[in-house]
Amino acid sequence: MLDGGTKPNLAKVTLARKVASIVLAMWKHQEVYDTVKYNMPSS
């Protein structure tokens, strides 16, 4: 994200929201983390 021009503070908030949404979804559905399901694109 930083290489794409995103400001560091905004990048941190964006990633924190993504992590929080994944954790909430896992909690609501009582799932174990699956790297295939929650794989983020590398670019």
PDB file of N, CA and C in Angstrom:
ATOM      1  N   MET A   1       0.822  -1.187   0.000  1.00  0.00           N
ATOM      2  CA  MET A   1       0.000   0.000   0.000  1.00  0.00           C
ATOM      3  C   MET A   1       0.867   1.251   0.000  1.00  0.00           C
ATOM      4  N   LEU A   2       1.970   1.189   0.749  1.00  0.00           N
ATOM      5  CA  LEU A   2       2.846   2.356   0.810  1.00  0.00           C
ATOM      6  C   LEU A   2       3.507   2.620  -0.531  1.00  0.00           C
ATOM      7  N   ASP A   3       3.862   1.536  -1.239  1.00  0.00           N
ATOM      8  CA  ASP A   3       4.469   1.705  -2.561  1.00  0.00           C
ATOM      9  C   ASP A   3       3.483   2.308  -3.553  1.00  0.00           C
ATOM     10  N   GLY A   4       2.201   2.105  -3.307  1.00  0.00           N
ATOM     11  CA  GLY A   4       1.169   2.648  -4.181  1.00  0.00           C
ATOM     12  C   GLY A   4       0.838   4.104  -3.897  1.00  0.00           C
ATOM     13  N   GLY A   5       1.455   4.674  -2.853  1.00  0.00           N
ATOM     14  CA  GLY A   5       1.237   6.080  -2.559  1.00  0.00           C
ATOM     15  C   GLY A   5       0.305   6.349  -1.391  1.00  0.00           C
ATOM     16  N   THR A   6      -0.133   5.289  -0.720  1.00  0.00           N
ATOM     17  CA  THR A   6      -1.017   5.483   0.437  1.00  0.00           C
ATOM     18  C   THR A   6      -0.209   6.009   1.617  1.00  0.00           C
ATOM     19  N   LYS A   7      -0.772   6.953   2.342  1.00  0.00           N
ATOM     20  CA  LYS A   7      -0.086   7.495   3.515  1.00  0.00           C
ATOM     21  C   LYS A   7       0.003   6.416   4.594  1.00  0.00           C
ATOM     22  N   PRO A   8       1.089   6.410   5.375  1.00  0.00           N
ATOM     23  CA  PRO A   8       1.287   5.359   6.378  1.00  0.00           C
ATOM     24  C   PRO A   8       0.135   5.213   7.371  1.00  0.00           C
ATOM     25  N   ASN A   9      -0.414   6.315   7.857  1.00  0.00           N
ATOM     26  CA  ASN A   9      -1.520   6.225   8.812  1.00  0.00           C
ATOM     27  C   ASN A   9      -2.752   5.580   8.185  1.00  0.00           C
ATOM     28  N   LEU A  10      -3.060   5.932   6.958  1.00  0.00           N
ATOM     29  CA  LEU A  10      -4.212   5.366   6.271  1.00  0.00           C
ATOM     30  C   LEU A  10      -4.000   3.885   5.977  1.00  0.00           C
ATOM     31  N   ALA A  11      -2.774   3.508   5.643  1.00  0.00           N
ATOM     32  CA  ALA A  11      -2.465   2.098   5.390  1.00  0.00           C
ATOM     33  C   ALA A  11      -2.671   1.266   6.657  1.00  0.00           C
ATOM     34  N   LYS A  12      -2.238   1.787   7.804  1.00  0.00           N
ATOM     35  CA  LYS A  12      -2.423   1.072   9.069  1.00  0.00           C
ATOM     36  C   LYS A  12      -3.892   0.887   9.398  1.00  0.00           C
ATOM     37  N   VAL A  13      -4.671   1.927   9.216  1.00  0.00           N
ATOM     38  CA  VAL A  13      -6.102   1.847   9.509  1.00  0.00           C
ATOM     39  C   VAL A  13      -6.792   0.858   8.570  1.00  0.00           C
ATOM     40  N   THR A  14      -6.427   0.885   7.306  1.00  0.00           N
ATOM     41  CA  THR A  14      -7.028  -0.015   6.330  1.00  0.00           C
ATOM     42  C   THR A  14      -6.735  -1.470   6.675  1.00  0.00           C
ATOM     43  N   LEU A  15      -5.491  -1.759   7.009  1.00  0.00           N
ATOM     44  CA  LEU A  15      -5.133  -3.135   7.362  1.00  0.00           C
ATOM     45  C   LEU A  15      -5.776  -3.564   8.676  1.00  0.00           C
ATOM     46  N   ALA A  16      -5.879  -2.662   9.629  1.00  0.00           N
ATOM     47  CA  ALA A  16      -6.530  -2.985  10.905  1.00  0.00           C
ATOM     48  C   ALA A  16      -8.009  -3.299  10.685  1.00  0.00           C
ATOM     49  N   ARG A  17      -8.672  -2.549   9.818  1.00  0.00           N
ATOM     50  CA  ARG A  17     -10.083  -2.831   9.518  1.00  0.00           C
ATOM     51  C   ARG A  17     -10.239  -4.188   8.842  1.00  0.00           C
ATOM     52  N   LYS A  18      -9.321  -4.519   7.947  1.00  0.00           N
ATOM     53  CA  LYS A  18      -9.379  -5.807   7.249  1.00  0.00           C
ATOM     54  C   LYS A  18      -9.223  -6.955   8.243  1.00  0.00           C
ATOM     55  N   VAL A  19      -8.249  -6.843   9.147  1.00  0.00           N
ATOM     56  CA  VAL A  19      -8.034  -7.872  10.161  1.00  0.00           C
ATOM     57  C   VAL A  19      -9.258  -7.983  11.063  1.00  0.00           C
ATOM     58  N   ALA A  20      -9.807  -6.859  11.479  1.00  0.00           N
ATOM     59  CA  ALA A  20     -10.978  -6.868  12.351  1.00  0.00           C
ATOM     60  C   ALA A  20     -12.178  -7.509  11.660  1.00  0.00           C
ATOM     61  N   SER A  21     -12.369  -7.247  10.387  1.00  0.00           N
ATOM     62  CA  SER A  21     -13.509  -7.831   9.681  1.00  0.00           C
ATOM     63  C   SER A  21     -13.353  -9.340   9.528  1.00  0.00           C
ATOM     64  N   ILE A  22     -12.126  -9.807   9.295  1.00  0.00           N
ATOM     65  CA  ILE A  22     -11.887 -11.246   9.187  1.00  0.00           C
ATOM     66  C   ILE A  22     -12.145 -11.932  10.529  1.00  0.00           C
ATOM     67  N   VAL A  23     -11.625 -11.334  11.609  1.00  0.00           N
ATOM     68  CA  VAL A  23     -11.806 -11.917  12.938  1.00  0.00           C
ATOM     69  C   VAL A  23     -13.288 -11.942  13.314  1.00  0.00           C
ATOM     70  N   LEU A  24     -14.014 -10.879  13.023  1.00  0.00           N
ATOM     71  CA  LEU A  24     -15.438 -10.840  13.327  1.00  0.00           C
ATOM     72  C   LEU A  24     -16.203 -11.916  12.556  1.00  0.00           C
ATOM     73  N   ALA A  25     -15.891 -12.073  11.278  1.00  0.00           N
ATOM     74  CA  ALA A  25     -16.558 -13.096  10.470  1.00  0.00           C
ATOM     75  C   ALA A  25     -16.257 -14.494  11.005  1.00  0.00           C
ATOM     76  N   MET A  26     -15.009 -14.728  11.381  1.00  0.00           N
ATOM     77  CA  MET A  26     -14.639 -16.040  11.935  1.00  0.00           C
ATOM     78  C   MET A  26     -15.370 -16.293  13.248  1.00  0.00           C
ATOM     79  N   TRP A  27     -15.470 -15.274  14.073  1.00  0.00           N
ATOM     80  CA  TRP A  27     -16.123 -15.402  15.371  1.00  0.00           C
ATOM     81  C   TRP A  27     -17.623 -15.685  15.192  1.00  0.00           C
ATOM     82  N   LYS A  28     -18.262 -14.949  14.305  1.00  0.00           N
ATOM     83  CA  LYS A  28     -19.696 -15.113  14.096  1.00  0.00           C
ATOM     84  C   LYS A  28     -20.038 -16.497  13.556  1.00  0.00           C
ATOM     85  N   HIS A  29     -19.167 -17.042  12.701  1.00  0.00           N
ATOM     86  CA  HIS A  29     -19.426 -18.337  12.075  1.00  0.00           C
ATOM     87  C   HIS A  29     -18.694 -19.481  12.775  1.00  0.00           C
ATOM     88  N   GLN A  30     -18.015 -19.168  13.862  1.00  0.00           N
ATOM     89  CA  GLN A  30     -17.249 -20.144  14.651  1.00  0.00           C
ATOM     90  C   GLN A  30     -16.338 -20.979  13.745  1.00  0.00           C
ATOM     91  N   GLU A  31     -15.517 -20.286  12.971  1.00  0.00           N
ATOM     92  CA  GLU A  31     -14.599 -20.916  12.027  1.00  0.00           C
ATOM     93  C   GLU A  31     -13.162 -20.808  12.525  1.00  0.00           C
ATOM     94  N   VAL A  32     -12.337 -21.692  12.007  1.00  0.00           N
ATOM     95  CA  VAL A  32     -10.900 -21.621  12.219  1.00  0.00           C
ATOM     96  C   VAL A  32     -10.313 -20.890  11.010  1.00  0.00           C
ATOM     97  N   TYR A  33      -9.229 -20.139  11.226  1.00  0.00           N
ATOM     98  CA  TYR A  33      -8.622 -19.359  10.142  1.00  0.00           C
ATOM     99  C   TYR A  33      -8.204 -20.274   8.992  1.00  0.00           C
ATOM    100  N   ASP A  34      -8.596 -19.929   7.786  1.00  0.00           N
ATOM    101  CA  ASP A  34      -8.260 -20.680   6.582  1.00  0.00           C
ATOM    102  C   ASP A  34      -7.518 -19.741   5.635  1.00  0.00           C
ATOM    103  N   THR A  35      -6.254 -20.052   5.388  1.00  0.00           N
ATOM    104  CA  THR A  35      -5.433 -19.160   4.550  1.00  0.00           C
ATOM    105  C   THR A  35      -5.963 -19.070   3.125  1.00  0.00           C
ATOM    106  N   VAL A  36      -6.601 -20.108   2.635  1.00  0.00           N
ATOM    107  CA  VAL A  36      -7.135 -20.085   1.261  1.00  0.00           C
ATOM    108  C   VAL A  36      -8.332 -19.138   1.183  1.00  0.00           C
ATOM    109  N   LYS A  37      -9.202 -19.181   2.190  1.00  0.00           N
ATOM    110  CA  LYS A  37     -10.422 -18.362   2.175  1.00  0.00           C
ATOM    111  C   LYS A  37     -10.106 -16.885   2.348  1.00  0.00           C
ATOM    112  N   TYR A  38      -9.138 -16.572   3.218  1.00  0.00           N
ATOM    113  CA  TYR A  38      -8.833 -15.175   3.534  1.00  0.00           C
ATOM    114  C   TYR A  38      -7.506 -14.725   2.938  1.00  0.00           C
ATOM    115  N   ASN A  39      -7.140 -15.252   1.802  1.00  0.00           N
ATOM    116  CA  ASN A  39      -5.879 -14.877   1.160  1.00  0.00           C
ATOM    117  C   ASN A  39      -6.018 -13.501   0.526  1.00  0.00           C
ATOM    118  N   MET A  40      -5.114 -12.596   0.928  1.00  0.00           N
ATOM    119  CA  MET A  40      -5.112 -11.247   0.368  1.00  0.00           C
ATOM    120  C   MET A  40      -4.166 -11.206  -0.825  1.00  0.00           C
ATOM    121  N   PRO A  41      -4.530 -10.514  -1.880  1.00  0.00           N
ATOM    122  CA  PRO A  41      -3.627 -10.413  -3.032  1.00  0.00           C
ATOM    123  C   PRO A  41      -2.325  -9.715  -2.645  1.00  0.00           C
ATOM    124  N   SER A  42      -1.244 -10.150  -3.246  1.00  0.00           N
ATOM    125  CA  SER A  42       0.071  -9.614  -2.883  1.00  0.00           C
ATOM    126  C   SER A  42       0.330  -8.234  -3.485  1.00  0.00           C
ATOM    127  N   SER A  43      -0.443  -7.830  -4.474  1.00  0.00           N
ATOM    128  CA  SER A  43      -0.214  -6.515  -5.079  1.00  0.00           C
ATOM    129  C   SER A  43      -1.358  -5.579  -4.888  1.00  0.00           C
TER     130      SER A  43
END
